[in-house]
């Protein structure tokens, strides 16, 4: 069996470090989407479809059964795999299912990246000194040690990936992708809702989307977007219970 973790934006696999320690497993694999903590290959398709194809290919190389866990846009890629290639996984878990509704409104940063001034918005992030950028994300919930590892990777490659990915999923597109959510019911799903996460649409949208694919909802009260960094012990207990329930 393999537990496969997929992170999002603007992140690297360092966000999983505290959680991996608390999980206490030797079967955990962290995959880094191109441009997010690894270099962006020349000609890579940075759209949501491109990342879906990337994740499908990565999973095809792994031994199963696979319990697939995604955070932020990694969770978006996970949902799309669950809808299109359920044969690759045993179960799936995401914390971003709320975005797959027609009435989801992208957060302000995403709307800036999707807009005509997106390049300038990304540049304002990538041009920050590493220490200043790390301080910002540490305060937002990553914590200092994780943010210091992530910050150097918020570079031109990541900027290019951000623009391609977010523009490919502007509304109404992400809502239309969610029309296929019932297909994800072919495998057990867990939807994590962190109550202080302001980026993913709120509890009502999470529960509505989860119901459409027969998924469970787990509430992490008092935790924000980087719940796995804020309270890795509670996060690990939740996930280990979920994995054990699939055996």
C-alpha atoms as a PDB file:
ATOM      1  CA  UNK A   1       0.000   0.000   0.000  1.00  0.00           C
ATOM      2  CA  UNK A   2       1.105   3.596  -0.615  1.00  0.00           C
ATOM      3  CA  UNK A   3      -0.072   6.874   0.841  1.00  0.00           C
ATOM      4  CA  UNK A   4       0.531   9.521  -1.819  1.00  0.00           C
ATOM      5  CA  UNK A   5       0.570  13.216  -0.884  1.00  0.00           C
ATOM      6  CA  UNK A   6       0.206  16.016  -3.449  1.00  0.00           C
ATOM      7  CA  UNK A   7       0.674  19.683  -2.480  1.00  0.00           C
ATOM      8  CA  UNK A   8      -0.546  22.845  -4.135  1.00  0.00           C
ATOM      9  CA  UNK A   9       0.318  26.529  -4.508  1.00  0.00           C
ATOM     10  CA  UNK A  10       2.539  28.313  -3.582  1.00  0.00           C
ATOM     11  CA  UNK A  11       4.145  25.302  -1.932  1.00  0.00           C
ATOM     12  CA  UNK A  12       6.659  22.489  -1.979  1.00  0.00           C
ATOM     13  CA  UNK A  13       6.509  19.057  -0.390  1.00  0.00           C
ATOM     14  CA  UNK A  14       8.004  20.658   2.738  1.00  0.00           C
ATOM     15  CA  UNK A  15       4.449  21.397   3.888  1.00  0.00           C
ATOM     16  CA  UNK A  16       4.009  17.670   4.569  1.00  0.00           C
ATOM     17  CA  UNK A  17       7.132  17.356   6.753  1.00  0.00           C
ATOM     18  CA  UNK A  18       5.527  17.708  10.201  1.00  0.00           C
ATOM     19  CA  UNK A  19       2.573  15.527   9.163  1.00  0.00           C
ATOM     20  CA  UNK A  20       4.797  12.759   7.791  1.00  0.00           C
ATOM     21  CA  UNK A  21       6.588  12.573  11.129  1.00  0.00           C
ATOM     22  CA  UNK A  22       3.303  12.234  12.981  1.00  0.00           C
ATOM     23  CA  UNK A  23       1.873   9.671  10.553  1.00  0.00           C
ATOM     24  CA  UNK A  24       4.636   7.281  11.592  1.00  0.00           C
ATOM     25  CA  UNK A  25       4.465   5.286   8.355  1.00  0.00           C
ATOM     26  CA  UNK A  26       7.094   4.011   5.939  1.00  0.00           C
ATOM     27  CA  UNK A  27       4.783   3.907   2.912  1.00  0.00           C
ATOM     28  CA  UNK A  28       4.324   7.660   2.342  1.00  0.00           C
ATOM     29  CA  UNK A  29       5.259   9.226  -1.000  1.00  0.00           C
ATOM     30  CA  UNK A  30       5.117  12.968  -1.708  1.00  0.00           C
ATOM     31  CA  UNK A  31       4.719  13.990  -5.341  1.00  0.00           C
ATOM     32  CA  UNK A  32       5.637  17.532  -6.402  1.00  0.00           C
ATOM     33  CA  UNK A  33       3.669  19.022  -9.310  1.00  0.00           C
ATOM     34  CA  UNK A  34       6.019  20.525 -11.907  1.00  0.00           C
ATOM     35  CA  UNK A  35       6.870  24.115 -11.027  1.00  0.00           C
ATOM     36  CA  UNK A  36       5.893  23.709  -7.396  1.00  0.00           C
ATOM     37  CA  UNK A  37       9.070  22.763  -5.568  1.00  0.00           C
ATOM     38  CA  UNK A  38      10.671  21.187  -8.630  1.00  0.00           C
ATOM     39  CA  UNK A  39      11.742  22.687 -11.937  1.00  0.00           C
ATOM     40  CA  UNK A  40       9.178  23.245 -14.666  1.00  0.00           C
ATOM     41  CA  UNK A  41      10.041  21.108 -17.715  1.00  0.00           C
ATOM     42  CA  UNK A  42      10.265  22.958 -21.014  1.00  0.00           C
ATOM     43  CA  UNK A  43       6.909  22.837 -22.769  1.00  0.00           C
ATOM     44  CA  UNK A  44       4.993  21.437 -19.777  1.00  0.00           C
ATOM     45  CA  UNK A  45       1.244  22.067 -19.992  1.00  0.00           C
ATOM     46  CA  UNK A  46       0.535  24.139 -16.880  1.00  0.00           C
ATOM     47  CA  UNK A  47      -3.248  23.887 -17.206  1.00  0.00           C
ATOM     48  CA  UNK A  48      -5.451  21.844 -14.905  1.00  0.00           C
ATOM     49  CA  UNK A  49      -5.646  19.219 -17.661  1.00  0.00           C
ATOM     50  CA  UNK A  50      -1.858  19.152 -17.873  1.00  0.00           C
ATOM     51  CA  UNK A  51      -1.508  18.523 -14.152  1.00  0.00           C
ATOM     52  CA  UNK A  52      -4.207  15.865 -14.294  1.00  0.00           C
ATOM     53  CA  UNK A  53      -2.217  14.044 -16.984  1.00  0.00           C
ATOM     54  CA  UNK A  54       0.967  14.438 -14.927  1.00  0.00           C
ATOM     55  CA  UNK A  55      -0.613  12.949 -11.794  1.00  0.00           C
ATOM     56  CA  UNK A  56      -2.172  10.066 -13.684  1.00  0.00           C
ATOM     57  CA  UNK A  57       1.231   9.211 -15.156  1.00  0.00           C
ATOM     58  CA  UNK A  58       2.915   9.374 -11.741  1.00  0.00           C
ATOM     59  CA  UNK A  59       0.317   7.100 -10.156  1.00  0.00           C
ATOM     60  CA  UNK A  60       0.631   4.583 -12.972  1.00  0.00           C
ATOM     61  CA  UNK A  61       4.271   4.070 -11.944  1.00  0.00           C
ATOM     62  CA  UNK A  62       3.431   3.219  -8.314  1.00  0.00           C
ATOM     63  CA  UNK A  63       2.408  -0.019  -6.671  1.00  0.00           C
ATOM     64  CA  UNK A  64      -1.073  -0.029  -5.195  1.00  0.00           C
ATOM     65  CA  UNK A  65      -3.336   0.132  -3.489  1.00  0.00           C
ATOM     66  CA  UNK A  66      -2.978   3.904  -3.292  1.00  0.00           C
ATOM     67  CA  UNK A  67      -4.634   6.237  -0.809  1.00  0.00           C
ATOM     68  CA  UNK A  68      -4.337   9.645  -2.485  1.00  0.00           C
ATOM     69  CA  UNK A  69      -4.291  12.862  -0.430  1.00  0.00           C
ATOM     70  CA  UNK A  70      -4.207  16.366  -1.861  1.00  0.00           C
ATOM     71  CA  UNK A  71      -3.955  19.850  -0.402  1.00  0.00           C
ATOM     72  CA  UNK A  72      -4.893  23.097  -2.130  1.00  0.00           C
ATOM     73  CA  UNK A  73      -4.433  22.662  -5.901  1.00  0.00           C
ATOM     74  CA  UNK A  74      -2.951  19.246  -5.169  1.00  0.00           C
ATOM     75  CA  UNK A  75      -6.418  18.452  -3.830  1.00  0.00           C
ATOM     76  CA  UNK A  76      -7.887  19.734  -7.071  1.00  0.00           C
ATOM     77  CA  UNK A  77      -5.711  17.331  -9.054  1.00  0.00           C
ATOM     78  CA  UNK A  78      -6.751  14.528  -6.677  1.00  0.00           C
ATOM     79  CA  UNK A  79     -10.443  15.196  -7.284  1.00  0.00           C
ATOM     80  CA  UNK A  80      -9.912  15.142 -11.025  1.00  0.00           C
ATOM     81  CA  UNK A  81      -8.117  11.788 -10.815  1.00  0.00           C
ATOM     82  CA  UNK A  82     -10.963  10.420  -8.699  1.00  0.00           C
ATOM     83  CA  UNK A  83     -13.414  11.527 -11.395  1.00  0.00           C
ATOM     84  CA  UNK A  84     -11.446  10.295 -14.404  1.00  0.00           C
ATOM     85  CA  UNK A  85      -9.174   7.421 -13.297  1.00  0.00           C
ATOM     86  CA  UNK A  86     -10.614   5.792 -10.166  1.00  0.00           C
ATOM     87  CA  UNK A  87      -8.871   2.585 -11.213  1.00  0.00           C
ATOM     88  CA  UNK A  88      -5.568   4.141 -10.083  1.00  0.00           C
ATOM     89  CA  UNK A  89      -6.545   4.608  -6.442  1.00  0.00           C
ATOM     90  CA  UNK A  90      -8.134   2.903  -3.454  1.00  0.00           C
ATOM     91  CA  UNK A  91      -9.358   6.109  -1.804  1.00  0.00           C
ATOM     92  CA  UNK A  92      -9.002   9.857  -2.105  1.00  0.00           C
ATOM     93  CA  UNK A  93      -8.858  12.827   0.252  1.00  0.00           C
ATOM     94  CA  UNK A  94      -8.942  16.553  -0.498  1.00  0.00           C
ATOM     95  CA  UNK A  95      -9.391  19.855   1.326  1.00  0.00           C
ATOM     96  CA  UNK A  96     -10.485  21.898  -1.690  1.00  0.00           C
ATOM     97  CA  UNK A  97     -13.668  20.232  -2.926  1.00  0.00           C
ATOM     98  CA  UNK A  98     -15.678  23.396  -2.301  1.00  0.00           C
ATOM     99  CA  UNK A  99     -14.204  25.058  -5.393  1.00  0.00           C
ATOM    100  CA  UNK A 100     -15.995  22.574  -7.665  1.00  0.00           C
ATOM    101  CA  UNK A 101     -19.293  24.454  -7.498  1.00  0.00           C
ATOM    102  CA  UNK A 102     -20.716  26.863 -10.035  1.00  0.00           C
ATOM    103  CA  UNK A 103     -21.217  29.521  -7.354  1.00  0.00           C
ATOM    104  CA  UNK A 104     -17.695  29.267  -5.921  1.00  0.00           C
ATOM    105  CA  UNK A 105     -15.926  32.642  -6.076  1.00  0.00           C
ATOM    106  CA  UNK A 106     -12.170  32.525  -6.421  1.00  0.00           C
ATOM    107  CA  UNK A 107     -10.246  34.329  -3.675  1.00  0.00           C
ATOM    108  CA  UNK A 108      -8.689  37.720  -4.392  1.00  0.00           C
ATOM    109  CA  UNK A 109      -5.163  36.474  -5.172  1.00  0.00           C
ATOM    110  CA  UNK A 110      -6.517  33.905  -7.631  1.00  0.00           C
ATOM    111  CA  UNK A 111      -8.617  36.536  -9.376  1.00  0.00           C
ATOM    112  CA  UNK A 112      -5.532  38.736  -9.704  1.00  0.00           C
ATOM    113  CA  UNK A 113      -3.557  35.869 -11.270  1.00  0.00           C
ATOM    114  CA  UNK A 114      -6.433  35.075 -13.620  1.00  0.00           C
ATOM    115  CA  UNK A 115      -6.770  38.677 -14.735  1.00  0.00           C
ATOM    116  CA  UNK A 116      -4.908  40.736 -17.346  1.00  0.00           C
ATOM    117  CA  UNK A 117      -2.419  41.959 -14.725  1.00  0.00           C
ATOM    118  CA  UNK A 118      -1.630  38.445 -13.518  1.00  0.00           C
ATOM    119  CA  UNK A 119       2.006  38.634 -14.586  1.00  0.00           C
ATOM    120  CA  UNK A 120       2.565  41.700 -12.441  1.00  0.00           C
ATOM    121  CA  UNK A 121       0.766  40.106  -9.494  1.00  0.00           C
ATOM    122  CA  UNK A 122       2.976  37.020  -9.699  1.00  0.00           C
ATOM    123  CA  UNK A 123       6.108  39.119 -10.093  1.00  0.00           C
ATOM    124  CA  UNK A 124       5.292  41.014  -6.903  1.00  0.00           C
ATOM    125  CA  UNK A 125       5.396  37.659  -5.115  1.00  0.00           C
ATOM    126  CA  UNK A 126       8.473  36.182  -6.769  1.00  0.00           C
ATOM    127  CA  UNK A 127      10.455  39.428  -6.438  1.00  0.00           C
ATOM    128  CA  UNK A 128      10.161  39.530  -2.654  1.00  0.00           C
ATOM    129  CA  UNK A 129      13.354  38.663  -0.773  1.00  0.00           C
ATOM    130  CA  UNK A 130      13.286  35.076   0.502  1.00  0.00           C
ATOM    131  CA  UNK A 131      13.237  36.152   4.141  1.00  0.00           C
ATOM    132  CA  UNK A 132      10.303  38.537   3.650  1.00  0.00           C
ATOM    133  CA  UNK A 133       8.332  35.947   1.708  1.00  0.00           C
ATOM    134  CA  UNK A 134       9.020  33.309   4.349  1.00  0.00           C
ATOM    135  CA  UNK A 135       7.810  35.665   7.064  1.00  0.00           C
ATOM    136  CA  UNK A 136       4.539  36.244   5.214  1.00  0.00           C
ATOM    137  CA  UNK A 137       3.752  32.568   4.773  1.00  0.00           C
ATOM    138  CA  UNK A 138       4.893  31.661   8.266  1.00  0.00           C
ATOM    139  CA  UNK A 139       2.345  34.126   9.640  1.00  0.00           C
ATOM    140  CA  UNK A 140      -0.372  32.803   7.333  1.00  0.00           C
ATOM    141  CA  UNK A 141      -0.056  29.352   8.876  1.00  0.00           C
ATOM    142  CA  UNK A 142       2.886  27.451   7.398  1.00  0.00           C
ATOM    143  CA  UNK A 143       5.067  28.109  10.419  1.00  0.00           C
ATOM    144  CA  UNK A 144       8.628  29.393  10.255  1.00  0.00           C
ATOM    145  CA  UNK A 145      10.517  26.168   9.558  1.00  0.00           C
ATOM    146  CA  UNK A 146       8.248  25.121   6.687  1.00  0.00           C
ATOM    147  CA  UNK A 147       7.995  28.613   5.187  1.00  0.00           C
ATOM    148  CA  UNK A 148      11.788  28.930   5.126  1.00  0.00           C
ATOM    149  CA  UNK A 149      12.012  25.739   3.051  1.00  0.00           C
ATOM    150  CA  UNK A 150       9.215  26.783   0.687  1.00  0.00           C
ATOM    151  CA  UNK A 151      10.223  30.402   0.065  1.00  0.00           C
ATOM    152  CA  UNK A 152      13.254  29.841  -2.246  1.00  0.00           C
ATOM    153  CA  UNK A 153      11.070  27.822  -4.613  1.00  0.00           C
ATOM    154  CA  UNK A 154       8.613  30.676  -5.171  1.00  0.00           C
ATOM    155  CA  UNK A 155      10.419  31.617  -8.350  1.00  0.00           C
ATOM    156  CA  UNK A 156       9.835  32.270 -12.032  1.00  0.00           C
ATOM    157  CA  UNK A 157       8.984  28.618 -12.722  1.00  0.00           C
ATOM    158  CA  UNK A 158       6.334  28.678 -10.029  1.00  0.00           C
ATOM    159  CA  UNK A 159       5.037  32.009 -11.315  1.00  0.00           C
ATOM    160  CA  UNK A 160       4.570  30.567 -14.789  1.00  0.00           C
ATOM    161  CA  UNK A 161       2.829  27.511 -13.330  1.00  0.00           C
ATOM    162  CA  UNK A 162       0.525  29.665 -11.189  1.00  0.00           C
ATOM    163  CA  UNK A 163      -0.648  31.699 -14.175  1.00  0.00           C
ATOM    164  CA  UNK A 164      -1.301  28.693 -16.387  1.00  0.00           C
ATOM    165  CA  UNK A 165      -3.078  26.695 -13.705  1.00  0.00           C
ATOM    166  CA  UNK A 166      -5.337  29.401 -12.302  1.00  0.00           C
ATOM    167  CA  UNK A 167      -6.270  30.822 -15.682  1.00  0.00           C
ATOM    168  CA  UNK A 168      -7.254  27.353 -16.877  1.00  0.00           C
ATOM    169  CA  UNK A 169      -9.698  27.028 -13.988  1.00  0.00           C
ATOM    170  CA  UNK A 170     -11.373  30.435 -13.889  1.00  0.00           C
ATOM    171  CA  UNK A 171     -15.135  30.319 -13.549  1.00  0.00           C
ATOM    172  CA  UNK A 172     -17.223  28.943 -15.143  1.00  0.00           C
ATOM    173  CA  UNK A 173     -14.633  26.254 -15.907  1.00  0.00           C
ATOM    174  CA  UNK A 174     -14.045  24.959 -12.368  1.00  0.00           C
ATOM    175  CA  UNK A 175     -17.791  24.747 -11.808  1.00  0.00           C
ATOM    176  CA  UNK A 176     -18.177  22.784 -15.037  1.00  0.00           C
ATOM    177  CA  UNK A 177     -15.436  20.388 -13.905  1.00  0.00           C
ATOM    178  CA  UNK A 178     -17.498  19.824 -10.790  1.00  0.00           C
ATOM    179  CA  UNK A 179     -20.418  18.602 -12.883  1.00  0.00           C
ATOM    180  CA  UNK A 180     -18.547  15.276 -13.035  1.00  0.00           C
ATOM    181  CA  UNK A 181     -18.254  14.909  -9.240  1.00  0.00           C
ATOM    182  CA  UNK A 182     -20.654  11.919  -9.123  1.00  0.00           C
ATOM    183  CA  UNK A 183     -17.967   9.949 -10.991  1.00  0.00           C
ATOM    184  CA  UNK A 184     -15.684  10.284  -7.960  1.00  0.00           C
ATOM    185  CA  UNK A 185     -18.132   8.176  -5.942  1.00  0.00           C
ATOM    186  CA  UNK A 186     -16.529   5.064  -7.463  1.00  0.00           C
ATOM    187  CA  UNK A 187     -13.912   5.265  -4.695  1.00  0.00           C
ATOM    188  CA  UNK A 188     -14.290   6.273  -1.026  1.00  0.00           C
ATOM    189  CA  UNK A 189     -13.612   9.953  -0.521  1.00  0.00           C
ATOM    190  CA  UNK A 190     -12.823  12.164   2.446  1.00  0.00           C
ATOM    191  CA  UNK A 191     -13.293  15.931   2.296  1.00  0.00           C
ATOM    192  CA  UNK A 192     -11.414  17.879   4.946  1.00  0.00           C
ATOM    193  CA  UNK A 193     -12.856  21.223   5.922  1.00  0.00           C
ATOM    194  CA  UNK A 194     -10.613  23.441   8.037  1.00  0.00           C
ATOM    195  CA  UNK A 195     -12.914  26.031   9.561  1.00  0.00           C
ATOM    196  CA  UNK A 196     -10.451  28.941   9.280  1.00  0.00           C
ATOM    197  CA  UNK A 197      -9.508  28.264   5.650  1.00  0.00           C
ATOM    198  CA  UNK A 198     -10.749  31.288   3.708  1.00  0.00           C
ATOM    199  CA  UNK A 199      -9.657  30.116   0.247  1.00  0.00           C
ATOM    200  CA  UNK A 200     -11.872  27.132  -0.553  1.00  0.00           C
ATOM    201  CA  UNK A 201     -15.471  28.319  -0.374  1.00  0.00           C
ATOM    202  CA  UNK A 202     -16.685  27.577   3.138  1.00  0.00           C
ATOM    203  CA  UNK A 203     -18.472  24.652   4.752  1.00  0.00           C
ATOM    204  CA  UNK A 204     -21.713  24.831   2.768  1.00  0.00           C
ATOM    205  CA  UNK A 205     -19.934  24.466  -0.579  1.00  0.00           C
ATOM    206  CA  UNK A 206     -17.749  21.666   0.800  1.00  0.00           C
ATOM    207  CA  UNK A 207     -20.731  19.685   2.044  1.00  0.00           C
ATOM    208  CA  UNK A 208     -22.720  20.262  -1.124  1.00  0.00           C
ATOM    209  CA  UNK A 209     -19.892  19.005  -3.328  1.00  0.00           C
ATOM    210  CA  UNK A 210     -19.102  16.087  -1.004  1.00  0.00           C
ATOM    211  CA  UNK A 211     -22.725  14.955  -1.094  1.00  0.00           C
ATOM    212  CA  UNK A 212     -22.646  14.815  -4.882  1.00  0.00           C
ATOM    213  CA  UNK A 213     -19.831  12.250  -4.793  1.00  0.00           C
ATOM    214  CA  UNK A 214     -20.866  10.365  -1.649  1.00  0.00           C
ATOM    215  CA  UNK A 215     -17.796  11.505   0.288  1.00  0.00           C
ATOM    216  CA  UNK A 216     -17.372  11.912   4.023  1.00  0.00           C
ATOM    217  CA  UNK A 217     -16.684  15.337   5.517  1.00  0.00           C
ATOM    218  CA  UNK A 218     -14.228  15.813   8.377  1.00  0.00           C
ATOM    219  CA  UNK A 219     -14.147  19.189  10.130  1.00  0.00           C
ATOM    220  CA  UNK A 220     -10.891  20.499  11.601  1.00  0.00           C
ATOM    221  CA  UNK A 221     -12.207  23.143  13.938  1.00  0.00           C
ATOM    222  CA  UNK A 222      -9.952  26.146  14.491  1.00  0.00           C
ATOM    223  CA  UNK A 223      -7.405  25.228  11.816  1.00  0.00           C
ATOM    224  CA  UNK A 224      -6.676  27.152   8.641  1.00  0.00           C
ATOM    225  CA  UNK A 225      -5.421  26.537   5.133  1.00  0.00           C
ATOM    226  CA  UNK A 226      -2.175  24.878   6.277  1.00  0.00           C
ATOM    227  CA  UNK A 227      -3.870  22.577   8.790  1.00  0.00           C
ATOM    228  CA  UNK A 228      -1.167  19.926   8.336  1.00  0.00           C
ATOM    229  CA  UNK A 229       1.439  22.420   9.567  1.00  0.00           C
ATOM    230  CA  UNK A 230      -0.672  24.006  12.312  1.00  0.00           C
ATOM    231  CA  UNK A 231      -1.626  20.761  14.063  1.00  0.00           C
ATOM    232  CA  UNK A 232       0.146  17.770  12.476  1.00  0.00           C
ATOM    233  CA  UNK A 233      -0.803  15.487  15.360  1.00  0.00           C
ATOM    234  CA  UNK A 234      -4.542  16.011  14.868  1.00  0.00           C
ATOM    235  CA  UNK A 235      -4.155  15.844  11.102  1.00  0.00           C
ATOM    236  CA  UNK A 236      -2.224  12.553  11.309  1.00  0.00           C
ATOM    237  CA  UNK A 237      -4.817  11.001  13.605  1.00  0.00           C
ATOM    238  CA  UNK A 238      -7.577  11.921  11.163  1.00  0.00           C
ATOM    239  CA  UNK A 239      -5.730  10.541   8.144  1.00  0.00           C
ATOM    240  CA  UNK A 240      -4.486   7.349   9.813  1.00  0.00           C
ATOM    241  CA  UNK A 241      -8.053   6.591  10.925  1.00  0.00           C
ATOM    242  CA  UNK A 242      -9.191   7.131   7.336  1.00  0.00           C
ATOM    243  CA  UNK A 243      -6.488   4.843   5.916  1.00  0.00           C
ATOM    244  CA  UNK A 244      -7.225   2.156   8.497  1.00  0.00           C
ATOM    245  CA  UNK A 245     -10.888   2.294   7.538  1.00  0.00           C
ATOM    246  CA  UNK A 246     -10.013   1.365   3.958  1.00  0.00           C
ATOM    247  CA  UNK A 247      -8.260  -1.877   4.981  1.00  0.00           C
END
